[in-house]
Amino acid sequence: MFPTIIDEQRYILIDTPGFNDEVCSDIEVFEEILESLLALTPYCDLAGILYVHDITQNRFNKSAKLNLDMLEALSGEEFFKEVTILTTMWGNMNPPTFKAAEKRQAELKQGPWKTLIDGGARVISHAKGVAEPQDPINEEEKVKLEEQRKLAREELEEIISYYKTSERVTPTIQKELRAKVGILSTKAGDVLRRHNLPPTPNQMDNNGTTVPNSPSCRTDDSSAAPQSPLSPGDTADSGNETSRPRTQERPRESGPNSGRSSDKEILLKLAWILFLFRVVTWFLRKRS
C-alpha cells in the first residue's frame, strides 16, 4: 500500500497480486486482496480500480480471463465507470510493433473489455511507464531515469485525479462484506471457485460428465472449498467498532519444518499490522 496526495486529495494505492502466481495459490491471492479491503474499509472508500494489462501479450490467456472476471465481480455494473484499464509496455516499440499493439488494443475493446467499457470504464495507454534498471547505472543515466520517472508520475497523477470529482459509488464487494457475506459466497468468490475447483461427485451424471450450469463446488459443505476469512463487523459510519480481519487457521503441519512455517506466518502478520498502523497514523496526521 502506498499513501499519496494528488490535488490535495488523500489516496492509498494498493498494489494487489495477480492470479496464477508461481508461489501463492489463487485462493491465497484472493484472501490477500480481500484482507486489504477489509482493513481499509473503516478509514476510506474504494474510489476506483486501475486494471493494468500488458499490451505486448499476444494472447488473452486463462490467467487474464480470471483477472478480468474477478474485476467485474468485485466491481459490479454500477462501479464499472470507476474502472480504468491501463495498457502498459508501450515504450521502445518500433513502428510495426506499435501498430500491432494498437490493433490488439482495439480488438480487446470490442472483445473481452466490451462489457466494462459499455458500463463506463475508461481505457488509457500508459505510454510513459519506466522500466527500472537491473544493473548499476552512471550519473548521466540516473538523471535521465529521474526525468522519465517524473513524466510517469505526472501521467499517473492525471489519471488518478479523475477520481477526485467522480461520483462515489460503492462496489459490489464492499456491499457484500458490509452485509457480512462470506468471502467464498460473494460474487468474486463464485468466480474463483468456477475457475479453480473441480466439480464434486454430486455435480456429475452417471457417465462422470459435469452437469451443465452446475457450480464448481458445493457451498453447503465446508469440506468442498477452502474456508474464507471472517467478514467485517459494522463500519465506522454506523458508530460501531469494526473487527480486524481474521482468517481461519489452517491445519498445522507436522514434521521438522512445521515450527518454522508457524514462526514465518507470525512475523508476516506482525509486519502487516505494523504497516497498517503506519498508514492509519499517516491519515490521522494529515487530517489534523
C-alpha atoms as a PDB file:
ATOM      1  CA  MET A   1       0.000   0.000   0.000  1.00  0.00           C
ATOM      2  CA  PHE A   2       1.293   3.451  -0.943  1.00  0.00           C
ATOM      3  CA  PRO A   3      -0.206   6.583   0.692  1.00  0.00           C
ATOM      4  CA  THR A   4      -0.100   9.653  -1.549  1.00  0.00           C
ATOM      5  CA  ILE A   5      -1.684  13.092  -2.082  1.00  0.00           C
ATOM      6  CA  ILE A   6      -2.857  14.230  -5.528  1.00  0.00           C
ATOM      7  CA  ASP A   7      -4.539  17.631  -5.955  1.00  0.00           C
ATOM      8  CA  GLU A   8      -4.858  17.910  -2.150  1.00  0.00           C
ATOM      9  CA  GLN A   9      -6.820  14.656  -2.081  1.00  0.00           C
ATOM     10  CA  ARG A  10      -5.542  11.762   0.031  1.00  0.00           C
ATOM     11  CA  TYR A  11      -5.290   8.330  -1.586  1.00  0.00           C
ATOM     12  CA  ILE A  12      -3.915   4.929  -0.742  1.00  0.00           C
ATOM     13  CA  LEU A  13      -2.780   2.945  -3.759  1.00  0.00           C
ATOM     14  CA  ILE A  14      -2.964  -0.811  -3.234  1.00  0.00           C
ATOM     15  CA  ASP A  15      -0.752  -2.902  -5.487  1.00  0.00           C
ATOM     16  CA  THR A  16      -2.624  -6.203  -5.495  1.00  0.00           C
ATOM     17  CA  PRO A  17      -1.027  -9.501  -6.512  1.00  0.00           C
ATOM     18  CA  GLY A  18      -2.153 -11.221  -9.688  1.00  0.00           C
ATOM     19  CA  PHE A  19      -3.616 -14.671 -10.043  1.00  0.00           C
ATOM     20  CA  ASN A  20      -1.782 -17.694 -11.422  1.00  0.00           C
ATOM     21  CA  ASP A  21       1.159 -16.834  -9.176  1.00  0.00           C
ATOM     22  CA  GLU A  22       4.149 -19.179  -9.035  1.00  0.00           C
ATOM     23  CA  VAL A  23       4.318 -19.094  -5.221  1.00  0.00           C
ATOM     24  CA  CYS A  24       0.790 -18.468  -3.909  1.00  0.00           C
ATOM     25  CA  SER A  25      -2.394 -20.291  -4.844  1.00  0.00           C
ATOM     26  CA  ASP A  26      -5.307 -18.339  -6.308  1.00  0.00           C
ATOM     27  CA  ILE A  27      -7.265 -18.674  -3.075  1.00  0.00           C
ATOM     28  CA  GLU A  28      -4.331 -17.193  -1.116  1.00  0.00           C
ATOM     29  CA  VAL A  29      -4.100 -14.284  -3.565  1.00  0.00           C
ATOM     30  CA  PHE A  30      -7.855 -13.776  -3.283  1.00  0.00           C
ATOM     31  CA  GLU A  31      -7.694 -13.724   0.517  1.00  0.00           C
ATOM     32  CA  GLU A  32      -4.822 -11.225   0.464  1.00  0.00           C
ATOM     33  CA  ILE A  33      -6.790  -8.824  -1.749  1.00  0.00           C
ATOM     34  CA  LEU A  34      -9.908  -9.124   0.412  1.00  0.00           C
ATOM     35  CA  GLU A  35      -7.936  -8.635   3.640  1.00  0.00           C
ATOM     36  CA  SER A  36      -6.608  -5.338   2.290  1.00  0.00           C
ATOM     37  CA  LEU A  37     -10.151  -4.154   1.570  1.00  0.00           C
ATOM     38  CA  LEU A  38     -11.327  -5.309   4.993  1.00  0.00           C
ATOM     39  CA  ALA A  39      -8.512  -3.451   6.750  1.00  0.00           C
ATOM     40  CA  LEU A  40      -9.100  -0.150   4.946  1.00  0.00           C
ATOM     41  CA  THR A  41     -12.912  -0.114   4.972  1.00  0.00           C
ATOM     42  CA  PRO A  42     -13.205   1.795   8.289  1.00  0.00           C
ATOM     43  CA  TYR A  43     -10.902   4.566   7.074  1.00  0.00           C
ATOM     44  CA  CYS A  44     -11.632   5.167   3.407  1.00  0.00           C
ATOM     45  CA  ASP A  45     -13.843   4.180   0.473  1.00  0.00           C
ATOM     46  CA  LEU A  46     -12.736   2.380  -2.645  1.00  0.00           C
ATOM     47  CA  ALA A  47     -12.619   5.219  -5.167  1.00  0.00           C
ATOM     48  CA  GLY A  48     -11.641   3.214  -8.220  1.00  0.00           C
ATOM     49  CA  ILE A  49      -9.696   0.351  -9.720  1.00  0.00           C
ATOM     50  CA  LEU A  50      -6.752   0.612 -12.120  1.00  0.00           C
ATOM     51  CA  TYR A  51      -6.683  -2.595 -14.156  1.00  0.00           C
ATOM     52  CA  VAL A  52      -3.191  -2.976 -15.640  1.00  0.00           C
ATOM     53  CA  HIS A  53      -2.760  -5.000 -18.836  1.00  0.00           C
ATOM     54  CA  ASP A  54       0.496  -5.726 -20.675  1.00  0.00           C
ATOM     55  CA  ILE A  55      -0.288  -4.764 -24.273  1.00  0.00           C
ATOM     56  CA  THR A  56       2.562  -6.937 -25.571  1.00  0.00           C
ATOM     57  CA  GLN A  57       0.677 -10.106 -24.600  1.00  0.00           C
ATOM     58  CA  ASN A  58      -0.433 -11.676 -27.842  1.00  0.00           C
ATOM     59  CA  ARG A  59      -2.987 -13.995 -26.293  1.00  0.00           C
ATOM     60  CA  PHE A  60      -5.791 -13.418 -23.814  1.00  0.00           C
ATOM     61  CA  ASN A  61      -4.920 -16.451 -21.691  1.00  0.00           C
ATOM     62  CA  LYS A  62      -6.654 -18.187 -18.786  1.00  0.00           C
ATOM     63  CA  SER A  63      -4.941 -16.003 -16.193  1.00  0.00           C
ATOM     64  CA  ALA A  64      -6.065 -12.814 -17.956  1.00  0.00           C
ATOM     65  CA  LYS A  65      -9.609 -14.199 -18.152  1.00  0.00           C
ATOM     66  CA  LEU A  66      -9.636 -14.921 -14.405  1.00  0.00           C
ATOM     67  CA  ASN A  67      -8.331 -11.430 -13.593  1.00  0.00           C
ATOM     68  CA  LEU A  68     -10.993  -9.822 -15.777  1.00  0.00           C
ATOM     69  CA  ASP A  69     -13.854 -11.953 -14.430  1.00  0.00           C
ATOM     70  CA  MET A  70     -12.691 -11.192 -10.896  1.00  0.00           C
ATOM     71  CA  LEU A  71     -12.552  -7.461 -11.642  1.00  0.00           C
ATOM     72  CA  GLU A  72     -16.127  -7.455 -12.936  1.00  0.00           C
ATOM     73  CA  ALA A  73     -17.362  -9.438  -9.928  1.00  0.00           C
ATOM     74  CA  LEU A  74     -15.566  -7.219  -7.400  1.00  0.00           C
ATOM     75  CA  SER A  75     -16.858  -4.049  -9.050  1.00  0.00           C
ATOM     76  CA  GLY A  76     -20.437  -4.708 -10.087  1.00  0.00           C
ATOM     77  CA  GLU A  77     -22.039  -2.945 -13.042  1.00  0.00           C
ATOM     78  CA  GLU A  78     -22.643   0.331 -11.193  1.00  0.00           C
ATOM     79  CA  PHE A  79     -18.924   0.582 -10.395  1.00  0.00           C
ATOM     80  CA  PHE A  80     -17.688  -0.054 -13.967  1.00  0.00           C
ATOM     81  CA  LYS A  81     -17.437   3.712 -14.554  1.00  0.00           C
ATOM     82  CA  GLU A  82     -14.854   3.863 -11.757  1.00  0.00           C
ATOM     83  CA  VAL A  83     -12.617   1.319 -13.519  1.00  0.00           C
ATOM     84  CA  THR A  84      -9.637   2.488 -15.565  1.00  0.00           C
ATOM     85  CA  ILE A  85      -7.967  -0.031 -17.861  1.00  0.00           C
ATOM     86  CA  LEU A  86      -4.286   0.901 -18.167  1.00  0.00           C
ATOM     87  CA  THR A  87      -2.371  -0.694 -21.022  1.00  0.00           C
ATOM     88  CA  THR A  88       1.385  -0.710 -20.450  1.00  0.00           C
ATOM     89  CA  MET A  89       4.692  -1.630 -22.143  1.00  0.00           C
ATOM     90  CA  TRP A  90       4.256   0.882 -24.971  1.00  0.00           C
ATOM     91  CA  GLY A  91       7.794   2.219 -24.669  1.00  0.00           C
ATOM     92  CA  ASN A  92      10.642   1.268 -27.003  1.00  0.00           C
ATOM     93  CA  MET A  93       8.340  -0.139 -29.699  1.00  0.00           C
ATOM     94  CA  ASN A  94       9.287   0.177 -33.342  1.00  0.00           C
ATOM     95  CA  PRO A  95       6.540   1.450 -35.727  1.00  0.00           C
ATOM     96  CA  PRO A  96       5.326  -2.021 -36.888  1.00  0.00           C
ATOM     97  CA  THR A  97       5.154  -3.327 -33.313  1.00  0.00           C
ATOM     98  CA  PHE A  98       3.375  -0.171 -32.137  1.00  0.00           C
ATOM     99  CA  LYS A  99       0.806  -0.504 -34.907  1.00  0.00           C
ATOM    100  CA  ALA A 100       0.216  -4.148 -33.995  1.00  0.00           C
ATOM    101  CA  ALA A 101      -0.258  -3.159 -30.336  1.00  0.00           C
ATOM    102  CA  GLU A 102      -2.825  -0.523 -31.299  1.00  0.00           C
ATOM    103  CA  LYS A 103      -4.710  -3.147 -33.299  1.00  0.00           C
ATOM    104  CA  ARG A 104      -4.577  -5.543 -30.348  1.00  0.00           C
ATOM    105  CA  GLN A 105      -5.980  -2.872 -28.016  1.00  0.00           C
ATOM    106  CA  ALA A 106      -8.824  -2.150 -30.435  1.00  0.00           C
ATOM    107  CA  GLU A 107      -9.660  -5.873 -30.516  1.00  0.00           C
ATOM    108  CA  LEU A 108      -9.687  -6.048 -26.714  1.00  0.00           C
ATOM    109  CA  LYS A 109     -12.067  -3.087 -26.586  1.00  0.00           C
ATOM    110  CA  GLN A 110     -14.509  -4.907 -28.848  1.00  0.00           C
ATOM    111  CA  GLY A 111     -13.900  -8.267 -27.172  1.00  0.00           C
ATOM    112  CA  PRO A 112     -13.070  -9.070 -23.529  1.00  0.00           C
ATOM    113  CA  TRP A 113     -13.270  -5.451 -22.319  1.00  0.00           C
ATOM    114  CA  LYS A 114     -16.519  -4.525 -24.059  1.00  0.00           C
ATOM    115  CA  THR A 115     -18.757  -5.186 -21.056  1.00  0.00           C
ATOM    116  CA  LEU A 116     -16.641  -2.914 -18.843  1.00  0.00           C
ATOM    117  CA  ILE A 117     -16.408  -0.182 -21.482  1.00  0.00           C
ATOM    118  CA  ASP A 118     -20.138  -0.262 -22.151  1.00  0.00           C
ATOM    119  CA  GLY A 119     -20.590   0.268 -18.412  1.00  0.00           C
ATOM    120  CA  GLY A 120     -18.393   3.390 -18.457  1.00  0.00           C
ATOM    121  CA  ALA A 121     -14.857   2.080 -17.915  1.00  0.00           C
ATOM    122  CA  ARG A 122     -12.005   4.075 -19.465  1.00  0.00           C
ATOM    123  CA  VAL A 123      -9.106   2.683 -21.492  1.00  0.00           C
ATOM    124  CA  ILE A 124      -5.843   4.661 -21.271  1.00  0.00           C
ATOM    125  CA  SER A 125      -2.483   3.870 -22.827  1.00  0.00           C
ATOM    126  CA  HIS A 126       0.109   4.395 -20.089  1.00  0.00           C
ATOM    127  CA  ALA A 127       2.882   5.254 -22.517  1.00  0.00           C
ATOM    128  CA  LYS A 128       5.365   6.839 -20.093  1.00  0.00           C
ATOM    129  CA  GLY A 129       5.970   3.922 -17.790  1.00  0.00           C
ATOM    130  CA  VAL A 130       9.521   3.365 -16.569  1.00  0.00           C
ATOM    131  CA  ALA A 131      11.442   0.107 -16.535  1.00  0.00           C
ATOM    132  CA  GLU A 132      13.722   0.166 -13.509  1.00  0.00           C
ATOM    133  CA  PRO A 133      17.339  -0.779 -14.336  1.00  0.00           C
ATOM    134  CA  GLN A 134      18.556  -4.166 -13.180  1.00  0.00           C
ATOM    135  CA  ASP A 135      22.244  -3.185 -13.168  1.00  0.00           C
ATOM    136  CA  PRO A 136      24.076  -0.165 -11.699  1.00  0.00           C
ATOM    137  CA  ILE A 137      23.893   2.995 -13.846  1.00  0.00           C
ATOM    138  CA  ASN A 138      26.115   6.081 -14.135  1.00  0.00           C
ATOM    139  CA  GLU A 139      25.199   9.645 -13.145  1.00  0.00           C
ATOM    140  CA  GLU A 140      24.037  10.639 -16.634  1.00  0.00           C
ATOM    141  CA  GLU A 141      21.733   7.639 -16.793  1.00  0.00           C
ATOM    142  CA  LYS A 142      20.417   8.447 -13.322  1.00  0.00           C
ATOM    143  CA  VAL A 143      19.451  11.963 -14.419  1.00  0.00           C
ATOM    144  CA  LYS A 144      17.658  10.574 -17.468  1.00  0.00           C
ATOM    145  CA  LEU A 145      15.898   7.935 -15.366  1.00  0.00           C
ATOM    146  CA  GLU A 146      14.659  10.521 -12.875  1.00  0.00           C
ATOM    147  CA  GLU A 147      13.244  12.610 -15.718  1.00  0.00           C
ATOM    148  CA  GLN A 148      11.402   9.542 -17.013  1.00  0.00           C
ATOM    149  CA  ARG A 149      10.060   8.866 -13.527  1.00  0.00           C
ATOM    150  CA  LYS A 150       8.811  12.442 -13.303  1.00  0.00           C
ATOM    151  CA  LEU A 151       6.905  12.107 -16.589  1.00  0.00           C
ATOM    152  CA  ALA A 152       5.454   8.778 -15.465  1.00  0.00           C
ATOM    153  CA  ARG A 153       4.294  10.286 -12.151  1.00  0.00           C
ATOM    154  CA  GLU A 154       2.658  13.223 -13.928  1.00  0.00           C
ATOM    155  CA  GLU A 155       0.809  10.864 -16.247  1.00  0.00           C
ATOM    156  CA  LEU A 156      -0.414   8.683 -13.392  1.00  0.00           C
ATOM    157  CA  GLU A 157      -1.431  11.705 -11.301  1.00  0.00           C
ATOM    158  CA  GLU A 158      -3.543  12.932 -14.188  1.00  0.00           C
ATOM    159  CA  ILE A 159      -5.185   9.515 -14.447  1.00  0.00           C
ATOM    160  CA  ILE A 160      -5.918   9.291 -10.721  1.00  0.00           C
ATOM    161  CA  SER A 161      -7.125  12.895 -10.421  1.00  0.00           C
ATOM    162  CA  TYR A 162     -10.214  11.793 -12.365  1.00  0.00           C
ATOM    163  CA  TYR A 163     -11.451  10.163  -9.178  1.00  0.00           C
ATOM    164  CA  LYS A 164     -11.397  13.436  -7.269  1.00  0.00           C
ATOM    165  CA  THR A 165     -14.568  14.627  -8.993  1.00  0.00           C
ATOM    166  CA  SER A 166     -16.116  11.294  -9.940  1.00  0.00           C
ATOM    167  CA  GLU A 167     -19.386  10.219  -8.376  1.00  0.00           C
ATOM    168  CA  ARG A 168     -18.872   7.994  -5.353  1.00  0.00           C
ATOM    169  CA  VAL A 169     -20.240   4.512  -5.977  1.00  0.00           C
ATOM    170  CA  THR A 170     -19.899   1.557  -3.612  1.00  0.00           C
ATOM    171  CA  PRO A 171     -18.517  -1.538  -5.386  1.00  0.00           C
ATOM    172  CA  THR A 172     -20.302  -4.859  -5.057  1.00  0.00           C
ATOM    173  CA  ILE A 173     -17.574  -6.416  -2.903  1.00  0.00           C
ATOM    174  CA  GLN A 174     -17.822  -3.718  -0.221  1.00  0.00           C
ATOM    175  CA  LYS A 175     -21.602  -4.057  -0.138  1.00  0.00           C
ATOM    176  CA  GLU A 176     -21.226  -7.805   0.333  1.00  0.00           C
ATOM    177  CA  LEU A 177     -18.556  -7.521   3.030  1.00  0.00           C
ATOM    178  CA  ARG A 178     -20.563  -4.964   4.978  1.00  0.00           C
ATOM    179  CA  ALA A 179     -23.537  -7.327   4.782  1.00  0.00           C
ATOM    180  CA  LYS A 180     -21.257  -9.994   6.318  1.00  0.00           C
ATOM    181  CA  VAL A 181     -21.371 -12.251   3.284  1.00  0.00           C
ATOM    182  CA  GLY A 182     -18.720 -14.972   3.465  1.00  0.00           C
ATOM    183  CA  ILE A 183     -15.842 -14.358   1.076  1.00  0.00           C
ATOM    184  CA  LEU A 184     -16.368 -17.527  -0.948  1.00  0.00           C
ATOM    185  CA  SER A 185     -20.088 -16.747  -1.089  1.00  0.00           C
ATOM    186  CA  THR A 186     -19.520 -13.370  -2.740  1.00  0.00           C
ATOM    187  CA  LYS A 187     -19.780 -12.962  -6.495  1.00  0.00           C
ATOM    188  CA  ALA A 188     -15.985 -12.752  -6.668  1.00  0.00           C
ATOM    189  CA  GLY A 189     -15.705 -15.915  -4.601  1.00  0.00           C
ATOM    190  CA  ASP A 190     -18.039 -17.669  -7.010  1.00  0.00           C
ATOM    191  CA  VAL A 191     -15.779 -16.633  -9.900  1.00  0.00           C
ATOM    192  CA  LEU A 192     -12.759 -18.049  -8.083  1.00  0.00           C
ATOM    193  CA  ARG A 193     -14.498 -21.345  -7.432  1.00  0.00           C
ATOM    194  CA  ARG A 194     -15.657 -21.684 -11.023  1.00  0.00           C
ATOM    195  CA  HIS A 195     -12.129 -21.107 -12.289  1.00  0.00           C
ATOM    196  CA  ASN A 196     -10.223 -23.246  -9.803  1.00  0.00           C
ATOM    197  CA  LEU A 197     -12.135 -26.034  -8.115  1.00  0.00           C
ATOM    198  CA  PRO A 198     -13.152 -29.254  -9.908  1.00  0.00           C
ATOM    199  CA  PRO A 199     -16.793 -30.383  -9.817  1.00  0.00           C
ATOM    200  CA  THR A 200     -17.853 -32.566  -6.913  1.00  0.00           C
ATOM    201  CA  PRO A 201     -19.390 -36.059  -7.444  1.00  0.00           C
ATOM    202  CA  ASN A 202     -22.970 -34.837  -6.984  1.00  0.00           C
ATOM    203  CA  GLN A 203     -22.445 -32.417  -9.889  1.00  0.00           C
ATOM    204  CA  MET A 204     -21.717 -35.245 -12.354  1.00  0.00           C
ATOM    205  CA  ASP A 205     -24.032 -37.587 -14.196  1.00  0.00           C
ATOM    206  CA  ASN A 206     -23.635 -41.370 -14.318  1.00  0.00           C
ATOM    207  CA  ASN A 207     -21.008 -41.074 -17.055  1.00  0.00           C
ATOM    208  CA  GLY A 208     -18.797 -38.764 -14.998  1.00  0.00           C
ATOM    209  CA  THR A 209     -19.703 -35.697 -17.061  1.00  0.00           C
ATOM    210  CA  THR A 210     -20.275 -32.384 -15.308  1.00  0.00           C
ATOM    211  CA  VAL A 211     -23.929 -31.396 -15.232  1.00  0.00           C
ATOM    212  CA  PRO A 212     -24.500 -28.206 -17.294  1.00  0.00           C
ATOM    213  CA  ASN A 213     -24.819 -24.946 -15.353  1.00  0.00           C
ATOM    214  CA  SER A 214     -23.759 -26.583 -12.099  1.00  0.00           C
ATOM    215  CA  PRO A 215     -21.486 -24.589  -9.764  1.00  0.00           C
ATOM    216  CA  SER A 216     -17.866 -25.625  -9.465  1.00  0.00           C
ATOM    217  CA  CYS A 217     -18.181 -26.684  -5.860  1.00  0.00           C
ATOM    218  CA  ARG A 218     -20.806 -27.062  -3.186  1.00  0.00           C
ATOM    219  CA  THR A 219     -21.464 -24.153  -0.865  1.00  0.00           C
ATOM    220  CA  ASP A 220     -23.235 -26.244   1.759  1.00  0.00           C
ATOM    221  CA  ASP A 221     -20.231 -28.435   2.539  1.00  0.00           C
ATOM    222  CA  SER A 222     -17.325 -26.865   4.378  1.00  0.00           C
ATOM    223  CA  SER A 223     -15.000 -29.588   3.109  1.00  0.00           C
ATOM    224  CA  ALA A 224     -15.711 -28.779  -0.531  1.00  0.00           C
ATOM    225  CA  ALA A 225     -13.891 -25.452  -0.581  1.00  0.00           C
ATOM    226  CA  PRO A 226     -11.182 -23.621   1.374  1.00  0.00           C
ATOM    227  CA  GLN A 227     -12.539 -21.617   4.260  1.00  0.00           C
ATOM    228  CA  SER A 228     -12.573 -17.844   3.852  1.00  0.00           C
ATOM    229  CA  PRO A 229     -11.604 -15.053   6.242  1.00  0.00           C
ATOM    230  CA  LEU A 230     -14.337 -13.833   8.525  1.00  0.00           C
ATOM    231  CA  SER A 231     -16.444 -10.919   7.319  1.00  0.00           C
ATOM    232  CA  PRO A 232     -16.026  -7.493   8.942  1.00  0.00           C
ATOM    233  CA  GLY A 233     -18.322  -6.071  11.559  1.00  0.00           C
ATOM    234  CA  ASP A 234     -20.244  -2.842  11.163  1.00  0.00           C
ATOM    235  CA  THR A 235     -18.327   0.023   9.577  1.00  0.00           C
ATOM    236  CA  ALA A 236     -17.227   3.160  11.387  1.00  0.00           C
ATOM    237  CA  ASP A 237     -20.117   5.058   9.769  1.00  0.00           C
ATOM    238  CA  SER A 238     -22.594   3.091  11.888  1.00  0.00           C
ATOM    239  CA  GLY A 239     -20.856   4.085  15.096  1.00  0.00           C
ATOM    240  CA  ASN A 240     -19.674   0.566  15.869  1.00  0.00           C
ATOM    241  CA  GLU A 241     -16.141  -0.675  16.024  1.00  0.00           C
ATOM    242  CA  THR A 242     -15.066  -2.697  13.024  1.00  0.00           C
ATOM    243  CA  SER A 243     -13.475  -6.022  13.789  1.00  0.00           C
ATOM    244  CA  ARG A 244      -9.998  -6.602  12.446  1.00  0.00           C
ATOM    245  CA  PRO A 245      -9.922  -9.091   9.560  1.00  0.00           C
ATOM    246  CA  ARG A 246      -9.030 -12.585  10.576  1.00  0.00           C
ATOM    247  CA  THR A 247      -8.511 -15.753   8.641  1.00  0.00           C
ATOM    248  CA  GLN A 248      -9.419 -19.225   9.709  1.00  0.00           C
ATOM    249  CA  GLU A 249      -6.427 -21.156  10.958  1.00  0.00           C
ATOM    250  CA  ARG A 250      -5.140 -23.817   8.628  1.00  0.00           C
ATOM    251  CA  PRO A 251      -4.310 -27.294   9.888  1.00  0.00           C
ATOM    252  CA  ARG A 252      -0.864 -27.293  11.455  1.00  0.00           C
ATOM    253  CA  GLU A 253       1.773 -29.180   9.545  1.00  0.00           C
ATOM    254  CA  SER A 254       3.682 -31.978  11.182  1.00  0.00           C
ATOM    255  CA  GLY A 255       7.381 -32.524  10.763  1.00  0.00           C
ATOM    256  CA  PRO A 256      10.628 -30.704  11.420  1.00  0.00           C
ATOM    257  CA  ASN A 257       9.672 -27.592   9.416  1.00  0.00           C
ATOM    258  CA  SER A 258       6.277 -27.003  10.992  1.00  0.00           C
ATOM    259  CA  GLY A 259       7.674 -24.642  13.654  1.00  0.00           C
ATOM    260  CA  ARG A 260       9.496 -22.593  11.041  1.00  0.00           C
ATOM    261  CA  SER A 261       6.342 -22.189   8.990  1.00  0.00           C
ATOM    262  CA  SER A 262       4.390 -21.044  12.038  1.00  0.00           C
ATOM    263  CA  ASP A 263       7.069 -18.514  13.002  1.00  0.00           C
ATOM    264  CA  LYS A 264       7.111 -17.131   9.455  1.00  0.00           C
ATOM    265  CA  GLU A 265       3.344 -16.668   9.447  1.00  0.00           C
ATOM    266  CA  ILE A 266       3.510 -14.830  12.782  1.00  0.00           C
ATOM    267  CA  LEU A 267       6.233 -12.486  11.501  1.00  0.00           C
ATOM    268  CA  LEU A 268       4.238 -11.752   8.345  1.00  0.00           C
ATOM    269  CA  LYS A 269       1.141 -10.929  10.381  1.00  0.00           C
ATOM    270  CA  LEU A 270       3.140  -8.641  12.673  1.00  0.00           C
ATOM    271  CA  ALA A 271       4.652  -6.866   9.671  1.00  0.00           C
ATOM    272  CA  TRP A 272       1.180  -6.386   8.177  1.00  0.00           C
ATOM    273  CA  ILE A 273      -0.204  -4.966  11.449  1.00  0.00           C
ATOM    274  CA  LEU A 274       2.752  -2.581  11.790  1.00  0.00           C
ATOM    275  CA  PHE A 275       2.367  -1.320   8.241  1.00  0.00           C
ATOM    276  CA  LEU A 276      -1.375  -0.798   8.658  1.00  0.00           C
ATOM    277  CA  PHE A 277      -0.702   1.131  11.868  1.00  0.00           C
ATOM    278  CA  ARG A 278       1.695   3.417   9.998  1.00  0.00           C
ATOM    279  CA  VAL A 279      -0.870   4.060   7.254  1.00  0.00           C
ATOM    280  CA  VAL A 280      -3.598   4.916   9.762  1.00  0.00           C
ATOM    281  CA  THR A 281      -1.212   7.198  11.664  1.00  0.00           C
ATOM    282  CA  TRP A 282      -0.336   8.961   8.410  1.00  0.00           C
ATOM    283  CA  PHE A 283      -4.014   9.586   7.697  1.00  0.00           C
ATOM    284  CA  LEU A 284      -4.725  10.930  11.174  1.00  0.00           C
ATOM    285  CA  ARG A 285      -1.770  13.330  10.979  1.00  0.00           C
ATOM    286  CA  LYS A 286      -2.935  14.655   7.614  1.00  0.00           C
ATOM    287  CA  ARG A 287      -6.468  15.080   8.921  1.00  0.00           C
ATOM    288  CA  SER A 288      -5.245  17.079  11.931  1.00  0.00           C
END
